[in-house]
Amino acid sequence: MIKNIGTLVTFAILILVIVIVALMFGIPRYKVWQQEMAGKAEMAKAEQNRRILVEEAKARLEAEKLNAQAEIERARGMAEAMKVENGTLNETYNQYLFIRTLEKIADKGSLPQIIYLPTKGLVPVLDLKQPIQ
């Protein structure tokens, strides 16, 4: 019986030594592997962030191109309108433009204080410093 206990203790000590030796080699390797995986995850995150920035820049560029095209079309429309009216603006048309401008400003949420100064061309002057409450 004692012989079996001695063999059992010797076997347990041998297993304990093997486990300790395995941990001495395994833990440093695990730490290196863990740091490598953390580095790969960081690189993947940085690459994804870079892709997002590139896509946002492309979207801004596309928006600017569309805005430029809209501005060109607006200028063409203005040129065509000037040809139609043949350089003569009348009082009714000026009033129409004034009302249209007010509608655009009202759509944004607040109307400005309006100072109307009749002049030769009947063009109103807007004072945008003090909005009406």
Protein backbone atom coordinates (compact mmCIF):
# COMPACT_ATOMS: atom_id res chain seq x y z
CA MET A 1 0.00 0.00 0.00
CA ILE A 2 2.78 2.45 0.88
CA LYS A 3 4.55 1.47 -2.28
CA ASN A 4 1.48 2.48 -4.30
CA ILE A 5 1.20 5.79 -2.41
CA GLY A 6 4.87 6.51 -3.08
CA THR A 7 4.40 5.77 -6.75
CA LEU A 8 1.31 7.94 -6.79
CA VAL A 9 3.15 10.86 -5.11
CA THR A 10 6.09 10.46 -7.50
CA PHE A 11 3.68 10.44 -10.44
CA ALA A 12 1.89 13.57 -9.13
CA ILE A 13 5.23 15.37 -8.66
CA LEU A 14 6.27 14.38 -12.18
CA ILE A 15 2.97 15.71 -13.59
CA LEU A 16 3.38 18.93 -11.55
CA VAL A 17 6.92 19.42 -12.92
CA ILE A 18 5.69 18.83 -16.49
CA VAL A 19 2.87 21.34 -16.00
CA ILE A 20 5.27 23.93 -14.55
CA VAL A 21 7.76 23.45 -17.42
CA ALA A 22 4.91 23.70 -19.94
CA LEU A 23 3.67 26.91 -18.31
CA MET A 24 7.19 28.37 -18.32
CA PHE A 25 7.35 27.97 -22.09
CA GLY A 26 3.65 28.41 -22.83
CA ILE A 27 2.90 31.68 -21.02
CA PRO A 28 5.52 33.79 -22.86
CA ARG A 29 4.41 32.32 -26.19
CA TYR A 30 0.78 33.05 -25.32
CA LYS A 31 1.63 36.67 -24.47
CA VAL A 32 3.43 37.11 -27.79
CA TRP A 33 0.48 35.56 -29.66
CA GLN A 34 -1.97 37.77 -27.74
CA GLN A 35 0.00 40.92 -28.61
CA GLU A 36 0.18 39.84 -32.25
CA MET A 37 -3.60 39.40 -32.37
CA ALA A 38 -4.12 42.79 -30.68
CA GLY A 39 -1.82 44.38 -33.30
CA LYS A 40 -3.76 42.76 -36.14
CA ALA A 41 -7.03 43.99 -34.65
CA GLU A 42 -5.60 47.52 -34.36
CA MET A 43 -4.43 47.41 -37.98
CA ALA A 44 -7.84 46.23 -39.17
CA LYS A 45 -9.52 49.05 -37.24
CA ALA A 46 -7.11 51.66 -38.67
CA GLU A 47 -7.70 50.33 -42.20
CA GLN A 48 -11.46 50.50 -41.73
CA ASN A 49 -11.23 54.08 -40.41
CA ARG A 50 -9.11 55.02 -43.42
CA ARG A 51 -11.69 53.52 -45.79
CA ILE A 52 -14.44 55.48 -44.05
CA LEU A 53 -12.49 58.73 -44.45
CA VAL A 54 -11.88 58.00 -48.13
CA GLU A 55 -15.57 57.29 -48.74
CA GLU A 56 -16.59 60.47 -46.90
CA ALA A 57 -14.13 62.48 -49.02
CA LYS A 58 -15.55 60.92 -52.18
CA ALA A 59 -19.08 61.81 -51.06
CA ARG A 60 -18.05 65.42 -50.37
CA LEU A 61 -16.38 65.62 -53.78
CA GLU A 62 -19.50 64.28 -55.49
CA ALA A 63 -21.66 66.77 -53.57
CA GLU A 64 -19.40 69.65 -54.61
CA LYS A 65 -19.55 68.54 -58.24
CA LEU A 66 -23.35 68.44 -58.07
CA ASN A 67 -23.45 71.85 -56.39
CA ALA A 68 -21.23 73.25 -59.14
CA GLN A 69 -23.52 71.79 -61.80
CA ALA A 70 -26.54 73.29 -60.05
CA GLU A 71 -24.81 76.68 -59.94
CA ILE A 72 -24.04 76.46 -63.66
CA GLU A 73 -27.66 75.60 -64.42
CA ARG A 74 -28.85 78.49 -62.24
CA ALA A 75 -26.55 80.87 -64.12
CA ARG A 76 -27.84 79.57 -67.45
CA GLY A 77 -31.39 80.11 -66.23
CA MET A 78 -30.57 83.64 -65.15
CA ALA A 79 -28.95 84.37 -68.53
CA GLU A 80 -31.98 83.01 -70.35
CA ALA A 81 -34.34 85.00 -68.13
CA MET A 82 -32.38 88.17 -68.90
CA LYS A 83 -32.68 87.45 -72.63
CA VAL A 84 -36.43 86.98 -72.25
CA GLU A 85 -36.94 90.22 -70.35
CA ASN A 86 -34.48 91.95 -72.67
CA GLY A 87 -32.79 93.85 -69.87
CA THR A 88 -35.99 95.55 -68.72
CA LEU A 89 -37.10 94.79 -65.18
CA ASN A 90 -40.46 96.18 -64.23
CA GLU A 91 -41.94 96.91 -60.82
CA THR A 92 -44.19 93.84 -60.79
CA TYR A 93 -41.28 91.50 -61.49
CA ASN A 94 -39.23 93.12 -58.71
CA GLN A 95 -42.13 92.61 -56.29
CA TYR A 96 -42.38 88.97 -57.37
CA LEU A 97 -38.65 88.44 -56.72
CA PHE A 98 -38.96 90.15 -53.33
CA ILE A 99 -41.86 87.93 -52.28
CA ARG A 100 -40.06 84.82 -53.49
CA THR A 101 -36.99 85.80 -51.44
CA LEU A 102 -39.17 86.29 -48.37
CA GLU A 103 -40.70 82.85 -48.86
CA LYS A 104 -37.25 81.26 -49.00
CA ILE A 105 -36.18 83.08 -45.83
CA ALA A 106 -39.43 82.14 -44.06
CA ASP A 107 -38.86 78.47 -44.93
CA LYS A 108 -35.59 78.64 -42.96
CA GLY A 109 -37.47 79.58 -39.79
CA SER A 110 -37.22 83.30 -39.10
CA LEU A 111 -38.10 86.40 -41.02
CA PRO A 112 -35.58 89.25 -40.98
CA GLN A 113 -36.43 92.82 -40.21
CA ILE A 114 -37.20 94.41 -43.56
CA ILE A 115 -36.35 97.97 -44.42
CA TYR A 116 -37.87 99.03 -47.72
CA LEU A 117 -36.25 101.98 -49.42
CA PRO A 118 -37.91 102.92 -52.68
CA THR A 119 -35.29 103.67 -55.29
CA LYS A 120 -35.27 104.14 -59.01
CA GLY A 121 -35.22 100.35 -59.57
CA LEU A 122 -37.62 99.66 -56.66
CA VAL A 123 -35.20 97.13 -55.17
CA PRO A 124 -35.84 96.51 -51.43
CA VAL A 125 -32.97 96.39 -48.92
CA LEU A 126 -32.98 93.62 -46.33
CA ASP A 127 -31.45 94.21 -42.92
CA LEU A 128 -30.71 90.69 -41.62
CA LYS A 129 -29.27 91.82 -38.28
CA GLN A 130 -32.47 91.74 -36.21
CA PRO A 131 -34.95 88.92 -36.86
CA ILE A 132 -38.62 89.50 -36.00
CA GLN A 133 -39.72 87.50 -32.96
